[in-house]
């Protein structure tokens, strides 16, 4: 990594600290969110209401001073409500395209599993190719384009589970969990008279974000680490408990996420520890348990932990 790209990374600890001042007790969630952003992917946050998912997304966009949009997904939401549509001009009878909320830098797709599969699929092209096609016309989205999707794992009534093709577009899936007693107490004190979000000042801009993403791609991944990462991925395809192993896209996502984690750790190279730390959030939503495994009480996280223990670590 050259000096020109190393300089922007000095802002990362400051950015993490600023986000931590708004969302208390969530250092790992903040690290994973930044990992997904720097890796150029998208993240799925799965947790109960009220733990700070929306606040974290808003804080991220404010820190980098980039465009932010939010879509509240509901069963009656249509693809046009996400992508945009042609609008009639009553004065001359012409039509013009009105961009939808997807034309932004950071998109919060709130409770994405409450929308119909048809509306969910409207995001597939946007998340995979940074473009949308409406009425036969392809339009580029702003760059970078980062989706933060949320879903509630408790209330299943009126929801549509995300299909494997949609899940595979998310580089990471993780939860926030509840903060510790001391952190929650500090949160109550912070919000007694003011909202920390209002005091959050921009620490960067679009140019800084693009520089950080470029720096991520320059983090070194040695052949030994790549072989180790690929051995983990291929091991999931051989497990009898799984009917669907990790795809090649999953291997690429794990590589890019490991590069981003290394950058956040102020390193210019990826280690096996980076790979191991990201196996669960990057790969757990990319595998499918067999029927016998599901009824037998197994879960994807437990199987992936076994894979990590069984695959030799390079020395």
Protein backbone atom coordinates (compact mmCIF):
# COMPACT_ATOMS: atom_id res chain seq x y z
CA UNK A 1 0.00 0.00 0.00
CA UNK A 2 1.55 3.30 -1.04
CA UNK A 3 1.83 6.39 1.14
CA UNK A 4 -0.91 8.22 -0.77
CA UNK A 5 -3.48 5.59 0.23
CA UNK A 6 -2.06 4.97 3.71
CA UNK A 7 -2.80 8.52 4.87
CA UNK A 8 -6.64 8.28 4.67
CA UNK A 9 -6.62 5.17 6.88
CA UNK A 10 -5.48 7.28 9.83
CA UNK A 11 -9.08 8.54 10.00
CA UNK A 12 -10.52 5.09 10.65
CA UNK A 13 -9.96 5.03 14.46
CA UNK A 14 -11.53 8.49 14.71
CA UNK A 15 -14.53 7.35 12.68
CA UNK A 16 -14.97 4.22 14.80
CA UNK A 17 -14.81 6.30 17.96
CA UNK A 18 -17.40 8.74 16.63
CA UNK A 19 -19.81 5.93 15.74
CA UNK A 20 -19.26 4.37 19.18
CA UNK A 21 -20.30 7.65 20.82
CA UNK A 22 -23.69 7.40 19.13
CA UNK A 23 -24.28 3.64 19.33
CA UNK A 24 -23.04 2.54 22.74
CA UNK A 25 -21.68 -0.94 23.46
CA UNK A 26 -21.47 -2.15 19.85
CA UNK A 27 -17.75 -2.14 18.88
CA UNK A 28 -17.98 -5.39 16.91
CA UNK A 29 -21.09 -4.29 15.02
CA UNK A 30 -19.39 -1.00 14.13
CA UNK A 31 -16.30 -2.89 12.93
CA UNK A 32 -18.41 -5.25 10.82
CA UNK A 33 -20.43 -2.39 9.33
CA UNK A 34 -17.24 -0.58 8.32
CA UNK A 35 -15.84 -3.87 7.03
CA UNK A 36 -18.79 -4.23 4.68
CA UNK A 37 -18.53 -0.62 3.55
CA UNK A 38 -14.79 -0.76 2.86
CA UNK A 39 -15.16 -4.12 1.12
CA UNK A 40 -17.61 -2.54 -1.32
CA UNK A 41 -20.43 -4.92 -0.39
CA UNK A 42 -23.70 -4.73 1.50
CA UNK A 43 -24.70 -5.81 5.01
CA UNK A 44 -27.74 -7.45 6.57
CA UNK A 45 -28.36 -6.63 10.23
CA UNK A 46 -30.65 -9.13 11.90
CA UNK A 47 -31.83 -8.23 15.39
CA UNK A 48 -34.78 -7.22 17.53
CA UNK A 49 -36.23 -3.69 17.31
CA UNK A 50 -34.73 -0.90 19.36
CA UNK A 51 -31.07 -1.94 19.58
CA UNK A 52 -29.73 0.77 17.27
CA UNK A 53 -29.82 -0.58 13.71
CA UNK A 54 -31.33 2.55 12.16
CA UNK A 55 -29.24 4.86 14.33
CA UNK A 56 -26.05 3.12 13.23
CA UNK A 57 -26.96 3.48 9.54
CA UNK A 58 -27.76 7.18 9.90
CA UNK A 59 -24.60 7.82 11.89
CA UNK A 60 -22.47 6.15 9.22
CA UNK A 61 -23.86 8.35 6.45
CA UNK A 62 -23.41 11.47 8.57
CA UNK A 63 -19.79 10.65 9.44
CA UNK A 64 -18.89 10.35 5.75
CA UNK A 65 -21.25 13.16 4.73
CA UNK A 66 -22.83 11.13 1.91
CA UNK A 67 -26.38 10.85 0.62
CA UNK A 68 -28.73 8.72 2.72
CA UNK A 69 -32.16 7.24 1.95
CA UNK A 70 -34.44 4.99 3.94
CA UNK A 71 -37.12 2.64 2.67
CA UNK A 72 -39.61 1.13 5.10
CA UNK A 73 -40.40 -2.21 3.48
CA UNK A 74 -44.05 -3.27 3.73
CA UNK A 75 -46.13 -5.97 1.98
CA UNK A 76 -47.72 -3.40 -0.35
CA UNK A 77 -44.42 -1.81 -1.43
CA UNK A 78 -43.92 -1.99 -5.21
CA UNK A 79 -40.66 -2.19 -7.20
CA UNK A 80 -41.38 1.29 -8.59
CA UNK A 81 -41.43 2.63 -5.03
CA UNK A 82 -37.82 1.47 -4.72
CA UNK A 83 -36.38 2.05 -8.19
CA UNK A 84 -38.43 4.98 -9.47
CA UNK A 85 -40.98 5.39 -12.26
CA UNK A 86 -42.04 7.45 -15.25
CA UNK A 87 -44.05 10.54 -14.26
CA UNK A 88 -46.44 12.35 -16.60
CA UNK A 89 -45.93 16.06 -17.17
CA UNK A 90 -49.51 17.39 -17.55
CA UNK A 91 -48.36 20.52 -19.37
CA UNK A 92 -46.93 18.85 -22.46
CA UNK A 93 -47.97 15.21 -22.00
CA UNK A 94 -44.37 14.00 -21.83
CA UNK A 95 -42.96 11.46 -19.41
CA UNK A 96 -39.83 11.86 -17.33
CA UNK A 97 -38.09 9.44 -15.00
CA UNK A 98 -38.44 10.17 -11.29
CA UNK A 99 -35.60 8.39 -9.45
CA UNK A 100 -36.55 6.28 -6.46
CA UNK A 101 -34.81 6.22 -3.07
CA UNK A 102 -32.36 3.60 -4.37
CA UNK A 103 -30.44 6.44 -6.08
CA UNK A 104 -28.27 7.26 -3.09
CA UNK A 105 -24.95 6.37 -1.48
CA UNK A 106 -26.23 4.70 1.69
CA UNK A 107 -29.62 2.98 1.52
CA UNK A 108 -31.32 1.70 4.66
CA UNK A 109 -33.70 -1.10 3.62
CA UNK A 110 -35.65 -1.36 6.87
CA UNK A 111 -37.36 -4.69 7.58
CA UNK A 112 -36.56 -5.92 4.09
CA UNK A 113 -38.23 -9.30 4.69
CA UNK A 114 -41.66 -7.64 5.02
CA UNK A 115 -41.76 -6.82 1.30
CA UNK A 116 -42.99 -9.29 -1.30
CA UNK A 117 -40.42 -11.39 -3.19
CA UNK A 118 -41.11 -9.29 -6.30
CA UNK A 119 -40.10 -6.10 -4.50
CA UNK A 120 -37.14 -7.77 -2.80
CA UNK A 121 -35.84 -8.89 -6.19
CA UNK A 122 -35.92 -5.28 -7.43
CA UNK A 123 -32.78 -4.74 -5.36
CA UNK A 124 -30.84 -7.65 -6.86
CA UNK A 125 -29.49 -5.81 -9.89
CA UNK A 126 -28.79 -2.71 -7.82
CA UNK A 127 -26.81 -4.63 -5.21
CA UNK A 128 -24.88 -6.72 -7.71
CA UNK A 129 -24.15 -4.27 -10.52
CA UNK A 130 -24.74 -0.77 -9.07
CA UNK A 131 -27.42 -0.12 -11.67
CA UNK A 132 -31.17 -0.46 -12.17
CA UNK A 133 -33.21 -1.20 -15.26
CA UNK A 134 -36.68 0.30 -15.60
CA UNK A 135 -38.81 0.42 -18.74
CA UNK A 136 -35.93 -1.10 -20.69
CA UNK A 137 -33.51 1.68 -19.74
CA UNK A 138 -30.45 0.97 -17.57
CA UNK A 139 -29.38 3.73 -15.19
CA UNK A 140 -26.22 3.80 -13.09
CA UNK A 141 -26.47 4.31 -9.35
CA UNK A 142 -24.24 6.73 -7.42
CA UNK A 143 -20.84 5.30 -6.52
CA UNK A 144 -20.32 3.93 -3.99
CA UNK A 145 -23.71 2.33 -3.37
CA UNK A 146 -24.08 0.66 0.05
CA UNK A 147 -27.19 -1.18 1.27
CA UNK A 148 -27.79 -1.68 4.98
CA UNK A 149 -30.77 -4.03 5.23
CA UNK A 150 -32.44 -4.96 8.51
CA UNK A 151 -34.82 -7.69 9.50
CA UNK A 152 -36.46 -8.79 12.73
CA UNK A 153 -35.66 -12.44 13.58
CA UNK A 154 -38.44 -12.74 16.17
CA UNK A 155 -41.68 -11.68 14.47
CA UNK A 156 -42.26 -13.96 11.46
CA UNK A 157 -45.90 -12.98 10.85
CA UNK A 158 -46.30 -11.14 7.56
CA UNK A 159 -42.73 -11.71 6.42
CA UNK A 160 -41.18 -13.27 3.33
CA UNK A 161 -37.86 -15.05 3.98
CA UNK A 162 -35.04 -13.78 1.79
CA UNK A 163 -34.13 -16.33 -0.92
CA UNK A 164 -30.59 -17.69 -1.19
CA UNK A 165 -29.85 -15.52 -4.25
CA UNK A 166 -30.71 -12.38 -2.28
CA UNK A 167 -28.78 -13.43 0.83
CA UNK A 168 -25.71 -14.14 -1.30
CA UNK A 169 -25.59 -10.44 -2.28
CA UNK A 170 -24.83 -9.44 1.32
CA UNK A 171 -21.15 -9.60 2.13
CA UNK A 172 -21.94 -9.78 5.87
CA UNK A 173 -24.84 -10.70 8.12
CA UNK A 174 -24.67 -9.94 11.81
CA UNK A 175 -26.67 -8.83 14.84
CA UNK A 176 -26.12 -6.12 17.42
CA UNK A 177 -27.38 -7.67 20.65
CA UNK A 178 -28.00 -5.77 23.85
CA UNK A 179 -25.35 -3.46 25.35
CA UNK A 180 -23.83 -4.14 28.76
CA UNK A 181 -25.37 -2.58 31.88
CA UNK A 182 -22.70 0.14 32.05
CA UNK A 183 -22.99 0.98 28.36
CA UNK A 184 -26.77 1.15 28.54
CA UNK A 185 -26.52 3.37 31.62
CA UNK A 186 -24.14 5.66 29.73
CA UNK A 187 -26.61 5.73 26.84
CA UNK A 188 -29.38 6.93 29.16
CA UNK A 189 -27.08 9.66 30.44
CA UNK A 190 -26.09 10.71 26.92
CA UNK A 191 -29.69 11.16 25.87
CA UNK A 192 -30.96 12.84 29.02
CA UNK A 193 -30.96 16.31 27.47
CA UNK A 194 -29.48 15.96 23.97
CA UNK A 195 -29.27 13.50 21.11
CA UNK A 196 -25.66 12.43 20.34
CA UNK A 197 -26.65 12.12 16.68
CA UNK A 198 -27.17 15.88 16.50
CA UNK A 199 -23.67 16.45 17.82
CA UNK A 200 -22.05 14.03 15.36
CA UNK A 201 -19.91 16.08 13.00
CA UNK A 202 -18.83 14.88 9.53
CA UNK A 203 -15.32 13.44 9.68
CA UNK A 204 -14.91 12.66 6.01
CA UNK A 205 -16.49 12.96 2.61
CA UNK A 206 -17.15 10.94 -0.51
CA UNK A 207 -13.55 11.30 -1.65
CA UNK A 208 -12.24 9.87 1.63
CA UNK A 209 -14.62 6.93 1.39
CA UNK A 210 -13.48 6.14 -2.15
CA UNK A 211 -9.83 6.37 -1.04
CA UNK A 212 -10.48 3.94 1.82
CA UNK A 213 -12.16 1.46 -0.53
CA UNK A 214 -9.19 1.75 -2.89
CA UNK A 215 -6.80 1.17 0.01
CA UNK A 216 -8.75 -1.95 0.96
CA UNK A 217 -8.15 -3.49 -2.45
CA UNK A 218 -4.41 -2.94 -2.04
CA UNK A 219 -4.15 -4.90 1.22
CA UNK A 220 -1.92 -7.91 0.53
CA UNK A 221 -3.36 -11.43 0.53
CA UNK A 222 -0.58 -14.00 0.28
CA UNK A 223 -1.03 -17.26 -1.58
CA UNK A 224 -0.87 -19.19 1.71
CA UNK A 225 -3.77 -17.17 3.16
CA UNK A 226 -5.75 -17.51 -0.08
CA UNK A 227 -5.27 -21.28 -0.02
CA UNK A 228 -6.41 -21.39 3.61
CA UNK A 229 -9.48 -19.28 2.86
CA UNK A 230 -10.38 -21.44 -0.13
CA UNK A 231 -9.89 -24.63 1.91
CA UNK A 232 -12.47 -23.32 4.41
CA UNK A 233 -14.91 -22.49 1.62
CA UNK A 234 -14.51 -25.82 -0.16
CA UNK A 235 -14.89 -27.71 3.12
CA UNK A 236 -18.45 -26.36 3.42
CA UNK A 237 -19.31 -28.03 0.09
CA UNK A 238 -18.27 -31.42 1.46
CA UNK A 239 -20.14 -31.35 4.76
CA UNK A 240 -22.98 -33.91 4.82
CA UNK A 241 -25.02 -31.58 7.07
CA UNK A 242 -25.19 -28.99 4.28
CA UNK A 243 -27.12 -29.24 1.04
CA UNK A 244 -25.64 -25.96 -0.18
CA UNK A 245 -22.05 -24.91 0.40
CA UNK A 246 -20.43 -21.53 -0.02
CA UNK A 247 -20.37 -20.21 -3.60
CA UNK A 248 -17.36 -18.67 -5.38
CA UNK A 249 -18.98 -15.29 -4.70
CA UNK A 250 -18.77 -16.18 -1.02
CA UNK A 251 -15.02 -16.83 -1.35
CA UNK A 252 -14.56 -13.45 -3.02
CA UNK A 253 -16.63 -11.76 -0.31
CA UNK A 254 -14.59 -13.39 2.44
CA UNK A 255 -11.35 -12.24 0.76
CA UNK A 256 -12.54 -8.65 0.40
CA UNK A 257 -13.92 -8.57 3.94
CA UNK A 258 -10.63 -9.92 5.32
CA UNK A 259 -8.77 -7.14 3.48
CA UNK A 260 -11.12 -4.57 5.02
CA UNK A 261 -10.65 -6.00 8.53
CA UNK A 262 -6.89 -5.89 8.12
CA UNK A 263 -7.12 -2.23 7.10
CA UNK A 264 -9.26 -1.48 10.17
CA UNK A 265 -6.58 -3.19 12.25
CA UNK A 266 -3.99 -0.85 10.67
CA UNK A 267 -2.27 -3.66 8.75
CA UNK A 268 -1.28 -3.86 5.10
CA UNK A 269 -1.67 -7.65 4.91
CA UNK A 270 -4.32 -10.26 5.72
CA UNK A 271 -3.69 -12.92 8.37
CA UNK A 272 -5.50 -16.22 9.03
CA UNK A 273 -6.98 -14.52 12.12
CA UNK A 274 -8.76 -12.03 9.84
CA UNK A 275 -10.27 -14.90 7.88
CA UNK A 276 -11.33 -16.84 10.98
CA UNK A 277 -12.92 -13.76 12.57
CA UNK A 278 -15.15 -13.27 9.52
CA UNK A 279 -16.16 -16.87 8.76
CA UNK A 280 -19.42 -16.62 10.72
CA UNK A 281 -20.72 -13.20 9.54
CA UNK A 282 -19.62 -13.75 5.91
CA UNK A 283 -20.44 -17.43 5.36
CA UNK A 284 -23.27 -18.44 7.74
CA UNK A 285 -26.01 -17.02 5.49
CA UNK A 286 -24.51 -18.63 2.37
CA UNK A 287 -24.97 -22.25 3.42
CA UNK A 288 -28.16 -24.30 3.58
CA UNK A 289 -28.72 -26.98 6.18
CA UNK A 290 -30.05 -30.35 5.15
CA UNK A 291 -33.47 -31.36 6.40
CA UNK A 292 -32.05 -33.89 8.86
CA UNK A 293 -29.62 -31.31 10.25
CA UNK A 294 -32.37 -28.77 10.83
CA UNK A 295 -34.56 -31.22 12.69
CA UNK A 296 -31.52 -32.57 14.52
CA UNK A 297 -30.83 -29.22 16.13
CA UNK A 298 -27.73 -28.25 14.11
CA UNK A 299 -27.12 -24.72 12.97
CA UNK A 300 -24.87 -23.10 10.38
CA UNK A 301 -22.71 -21.32 12.95
CA UNK A 302 -21.91 -24.55 14.78
CA UNK A 303 -20.97 -26.34 11.56
CA UNK A 304 -18.74 -23.48 10.44
CA UNK A 305 -16.96 -23.55 13.79
CA UNK A 306 -16.23 -27.23 13.21
CA UNK A 307 -14.88 -26.42 9.75
CA UNK A 308 -12.53 -23.79 11.19
CA UNK A 309 -11.25 -26.30 13.77
CA UNK A 310 -10.65 -29.02 11.17
CA UNK A 311 -8.92 -27.04 8.42
CA UNK A 312 -5.17 -26.65 9.14
CA UNK A 313 -3.97 -23.09 9.66
CA UNK A 314 -0.93 -22.04 7.59
CA UNK A 315 2.20 -21.30 9.57
